Amino acid sequence: MSVAYTEMDALAEELTSRALVCTLDCPFASTIALNELPKGVTAVIAAYRDANSVLCRRLFDLGFHPGLEVELVRKAPMRDPLVFRVADCEIVLRKRDAARILVHVGDEHDTNTVEKKAA
């Protein structure tokens, strides 16, 4: 029976050691909010606007990890909610929740083009 507790302790340690380490001092010069990402464009998750909030922790647990690629797949008819693909999963977020995530659009996509498409 102690083996089960050892495995549970190891799992608990692994889960509690996961850290939501994100600051606005990200290495990218230009970032945009995830809700401003045009449909079909791939970007890299850079940071969270408020890394200490419960919502940002939930977004992290859903798979929105800094350094991963994310793509806007679909928008609902009223433009809210939004469907994103991250780590081979499609996740639906409200616009206001997606605004908490900052992304960097890669070199192949010019930031000015992104702003024009989003308008």
C-alpha atoms as a PDB file:
ATOM      1  CA  MET A   1       0.000   0.000   0.000  1.00  0.00           C
ATOM      2  CA  SER A   2       2.924   2.357   0.513  1.00  0.00           C
ATOM      3  CA  VAL A   3       3.775   2.005  -3.200  1.00  0.00           C
ATOM      4  CA  ALA A   4       0.474   3.691  -4.109  1.00  0.00           C
ATOM      5  CA  TYR A   5       1.213   6.567  -1.743  1.00  0.00           C
ATOM      6  CA  THR A   6       4.697   6.926  -3.210  1.00  0.00           C
ATOM      7  CA  GLU A   7       3.256   7.151  -6.721  1.00  0.00           C
ATOM      8  CA  MET A   8       0.651   9.672  -5.569  1.00  0.00           C
ATOM      9  CA  ASP A   9       3.312  11.731  -3.824  1.00  0.00           C
ATOM     10  CA  ALA A  10       5.427  11.736  -6.990  1.00  0.00           C
ATOM     11  CA  LEU A  11       2.442  12.811  -9.077  1.00  0.00           C
ATOM     12  CA  ALA A  12       1.479  15.508  -6.588  1.00  0.00           C
ATOM     13  CA  GLU A  13       5.051  16.818  -6.588  1.00  0.00           C
ATOM     14  CA  GLU A  14       5.121  16.898 -10.380  1.00  0.00           C
ATOM     15  CA  LEU A  15       1.844  18.806 -10.608  1.00  0.00           C
ATOM     16  CA  THR A  16       2.719  21.336  -7.934  1.00  0.00           C
ATOM     17  CA  SER A  17       6.145  21.935  -9.452  1.00  0.00           C
ATOM     18  CA  ARG A  18       4.605  23.148 -12.714  1.00  0.00           C
ATOM     19  CA  ALA A  19       5.113  26.844 -12.603  1.00  0.00           C
ATOM     20  CA  LEU A  20       3.282  29.563 -14.406  1.00  0.00           C
ATOM     21  CA  VAL A  21       6.354  31.627 -15.105  1.00  0.00           C
ATOM     22  CA  CYS A  22       5.421  34.376 -17.520  1.00  0.00           C
ATOM     23  CA  THR A  23       6.319  38.015 -17.447  1.00  0.00           C
ATOM     24  CA  LEU A  24       5.855  40.907 -19.796  1.00  0.00           C
ATOM     25  CA  ASP A  25       9.645  40.977 -20.213  1.00  0.00           C
ATOM     26  CA  CYS A  26       9.314  38.597 -23.126  1.00  0.00           C
ATOM     27  CA  PRO A  27      12.109  38.332 -25.701  1.00  0.00           C
ATOM     28  CA  PHE A  28       9.902  39.496 -28.564  1.00  0.00           C
ATOM     29  CA  ALA A  29       9.903  43.139 -29.583  1.00  0.00           C
ATOM     30  CA  SER A  30       6.296  43.196 -30.668  1.00  0.00           C
ATOM     31  CA  THR A  31       3.386  41.278 -29.250  1.00  0.00           C
ATOM     32  CA  ILE A  32      -0.339  41.424 -29.826  1.00  0.00           C
ATOM     33  CA  ALA A  33      -3.250  40.090 -27.815  1.00  0.00           C
ATOM     34  CA  LEU A  34      -4.423  36.646 -28.897  1.00  0.00           C
ATOM     35  CA  ASN A  35      -7.922  37.962 -29.632  1.00  0.00           C
ATOM     36  CA  GLU A  36      -6.391  40.282 -32.293  1.00  0.00           C
ATOM     37  CA  LEU A  37      -4.810  37.402 -34.215  1.00  0.00           C
ATOM     38  CA  PRO A  38      -6.233  37.096 -37.743  1.00  0.00           C
ATOM     39  CA  LYS A  39      -7.865  33.840 -38.818  1.00  0.00           C
ATOM     40  CA  GLY A  40      -5.383  31.296 -40.164  1.00  0.00           C
ATOM     41  CA  VAL A  41      -2.266  33.052 -38.843  1.00  0.00           C
ATOM     42  CA  THR A  42       0.071  31.114 -36.550  1.00  0.00           C
ATOM     43  CA  ALA A  43       1.747  32.884 -33.641  1.00  0.00           C
ATOM     44  CA  VAL A  44       3.885  31.944 -30.633  1.00  0.00           C
ATOM     45  CA  ILE A  45       2.531  32.437 -27.132  1.00  0.00           C
ATOM     46  CA  ALA A  46       4.797  34.982 -25.455  1.00  0.00           C
ATOM     47  CA  ALA A  47       3.293  35.888 -22.065  1.00  0.00           C
ATOM     48  CA  TYR A  48       0.177  36.647 -20.050  1.00  0.00           C
ATOM     49  CA  ARG A  49      -1.062  40.121 -19.187  1.00  0.00           C
ATOM     50  CA  ASP A  50      -1.609  39.156 -15.541  1.00  0.00           C
ATOM     51  CA  ALA A  51       0.297  35.970 -14.739  1.00  0.00           C
ATOM     52  CA  ASN A  52      -0.928  35.963 -11.128  1.00  0.00           C
ATOM     53  CA  SER A  53      -4.624  35.701 -11.970  1.00  0.00           C
ATOM     54  CA  VAL A  54      -6.673  32.533 -11.623  1.00  0.00           C
ATOM     55  CA  LEU A  55      -7.790  32.833 -15.241  1.00  0.00           C
ATOM     56  CA  CYS A  56      -4.215  32.877 -16.544  1.00  0.00           C
ATOM     57  CA  ARG A  57      -3.437  29.784 -14.494  1.00  0.00           C
ATOM     58  CA  ARG A  58      -6.493  28.092 -16.032  1.00  0.00           C
ATOM     59  CA  LEU A  59      -5.384  29.078 -19.540  1.00  0.00           C
ATOM     60  CA  PHE A  60      -1.954  27.639 -18.758  1.00  0.00           C
ATOM     61  CA  ASP A  61      -3.551  24.387 -17.576  1.00  0.00           C
ATOM     62  CA  LEU A  62      -5.617  24.227 -20.785  1.00  0.00           C
ATOM     63  CA  GLY A  63      -2.403  24.192 -22.806  1.00  0.00           C
ATOM     64  CA  PHE A  64      -1.653  27.822 -23.605  1.00  0.00           C
ATOM     65  CA  HIS A  65       2.013  27.561 -22.610  1.00  0.00           C
ATOM     66  CA  PRO A  66       4.568  30.232 -23.535  1.00  0.00           C
ATOM     67  CA  GLY A  67       6.626  29.107 -26.503  1.00  0.00           C
ATOM     68  CA  LEU A  68       3.873  27.017 -28.112  1.00  0.00           C
ATOM     69  CA  GLU A  69       2.330  27.866 -31.453  1.00  0.00           C
ATOM     70  CA  VAL A  70      -1.318  28.900 -31.558  1.00  0.00           C
ATOM     71  CA  GLU A  71      -3.608  29.529 -34.511  1.00  0.00           C
ATOM     72  CA  LEU A  72      -7.028  31.144 -34.761  1.00  0.00           C
ATOM     73  CA  VAL A  73      -9.167  28.543 -36.526  1.00  0.00           C
ATOM     74  CA  ARG A  74     -12.691  29.978 -36.421  1.00  0.00           C
ATOM     75  CA  LYS A  75     -14.793  32.827 -35.114  1.00  0.00           C
ATOM     76  CA  ALA A  76     -18.419  32.495 -34.097  1.00  0.00           C
ATOM     77  CA  PRO A  77     -20.946  34.440 -36.206  1.00  0.00           C
ATOM     78  CA  MET A  78     -21.033  37.279 -33.672  1.00  0.00           C
ATOM     79  CA  ARG A  79     -17.179  37.206 -33.447  1.00  0.00           C
ATOM     80  CA  ASP A  80     -17.257  35.711 -29.971  1.00  0.00           C
ATOM     81  CA  PRO A  81     -16.195  33.065 -28.884  1.00  0.00           C
ATOM     82  CA  LEU A  82     -13.026  32.217 -30.810  1.00  0.00           C
ATOM     83  CA  VAL A  83     -11.652  28.754 -31.636  1.00  0.00           C
ATOM     84  CA  PHE A  84      -7.881  28.308 -31.342  1.00  0.00           C
ATOM     85  CA  ARG A  85      -5.644  25.367 -32.193  1.00  0.00           C
ATOM     86  CA  VAL A  86      -2.827  24.812 -29.723  1.00  0.00           C
ATOM     87  CA  ALA A  87      -0.864  21.567 -29.347  1.00  0.00           C
ATOM     88  CA  ASP A  88      -3.157  19.701 -31.792  1.00  0.00           C
ATOM     89  CA  CYS A  89      -6.266  20.589 -29.758  1.00  0.00           C
ATOM     90  CA  GLU A  90      -9.010  23.041 -30.566  1.00  0.00           C
ATOM     91  CA  ILE A  91      -9.976  25.195 -27.617  1.00  0.00           C
ATOM     92  CA  VAL A  92     -12.780  27.747 -27.487  1.00  0.00           C
ATOM     93  CA  LEU A  93     -12.172  31.002 -25.594  1.00  0.00           C
ATOM     94  CA  ARG A  94     -14.153  34.148 -25.060  1.00  0.00           C
ATOM     95  CA  LYS A  95     -12.607  37.237 -26.625  1.00  0.00           C
ATOM     96  CA  ARG A  96     -11.982  38.834 -23.249  1.00  0.00           C
ATOM     97  CA  ASP A  97     -10.162  35.707 -22.011  1.00  0.00           C
ATOM     98  CA  ALA A  98      -8.059  35.494 -25.182  1.00  0.00           C
ATOM     99  CA  ALA A  99      -7.066  39.132 -24.636  1.00  0.00           C
ATOM    100  CA  ARG A 100      -5.096  38.030 -21.549  1.00  0.00           C
ATOM    101  CA  ILE A 101      -2.644  36.052 -23.702  1.00  0.00           C
ATOM    102  CA  LEU A 102       0.098  37.901 -25.584  1.00  0.00           C
ATOM    103  CA  VAL A 103       1.474  36.334 -28.756  1.00  0.00           C
ATOM    104  CA  HIS A 104       4.313  37.046 -31.144  1.00  0.00           C
ATOM    105  CA  VAL A 105       3.583  36.742 -34.832  1.00  0.00           C
ATOM    106  CA  GLY A 106       6.550  35.088 -36.567  1.00  0.00           C
ATOM    107  CA  ASP A 107       8.973  36.753 -38.960  1.00  0.00           C
ATOM    108  CA  GLU A 108       7.078  35.428 -41.953  1.00  0.00           C
ATOM    109  CA  HIS A 109       4.094  37.589 -40.928  1.00  0.00           C
ATOM    110  CA  ASP A 110       4.669  41.321 -40.692  1.00  0.00           C
ATOM    111  CA  THR A 111       3.058  42.978 -37.654  1.00  0.00           C
ATOM    112  CA  ASN A 112       1.609  45.752 -39.833  1.00  0.00           C
ATOM    113  CA  THR A 113      -0.121  43.132 -41.969  1.00  0.00           C
ATOM    114  CA  VAL A 114      -1.599  41.573 -38.851  1.00  0.00           C
ATOM    115  CA  GLU A 115      -2.977  44.917 -37.713  1.00  0.00           C
ATOM    116  CA  LYS A 116      -4.518  45.565 -41.156  1.00  0.00           C
ATOM    117  CA  LYS A 117      -6.145  42.101 -41.271  1.00  0.00           C
ATOM    118  CA  ALA A 118      -7.516  42.478 -37.742  1.00  0.00           C
ATOM    119  CA  ALA A 119      -9.182  45.806 -38.583  1.00  0.00           C
END
